[in-house]
Amino acid sequence: MEIAGIFWDENSKKWLWVNIGSFIIGTIVFWWFLSIGIINLMTAFFLAILNFLVIPLAYYFLKYFVESKHQKIISKIMLVGCFGYALSVPIWLITVNLLIVAPWAPFQDLSIPLRNLFLPLLMLPSYGLAAYIMYRIGKKRDWRPPSYYID
């Protein structure tokens, strides 16, 4: 069995210890950030509570994704929705820089209210382009989930 398969099997058997370790490490990191002055007390409390809520949910959804009968649908949602959004942010930043922020940009002289309206509206076409790119990639791969096993 490959290294990733062995790692997943071991973590599946000891999921409680993996979660407890994640809680301990996450909580220590947040309180360490508080002690060196990176975050304030309210942020440390909020992140510590969020740590106890998010880690088990993330582990559950990861396990469901790997063992689900509906992997093709989940892959479509993940590729087009989540990875499309992640790709749209750099596309949006480049577009905003080319059209509004740069000194030679055509829309640099927009007034503040128009600029505040134009910036979020540029997110829609960038997300559409990124979602289309990810849809084409998923369709080319026949919506198979990525392989986590090392050959």
Foldseek 3Di string as FASTA:
>chain_A
DFPVVVVVVVCVVVVVVVLVVQLVVQLVVLVVCCVVPNDDDVVSVVSSVVSNVVVVVVVVVVVCCVPDPPVLVVLLCCQLPVVLLVQLVVVLVVVCCQAAVDPPHPNPPDDPVVVVVVSVVSSVVSSVVSSVVSVVVCVVVVSDDDDPGDD
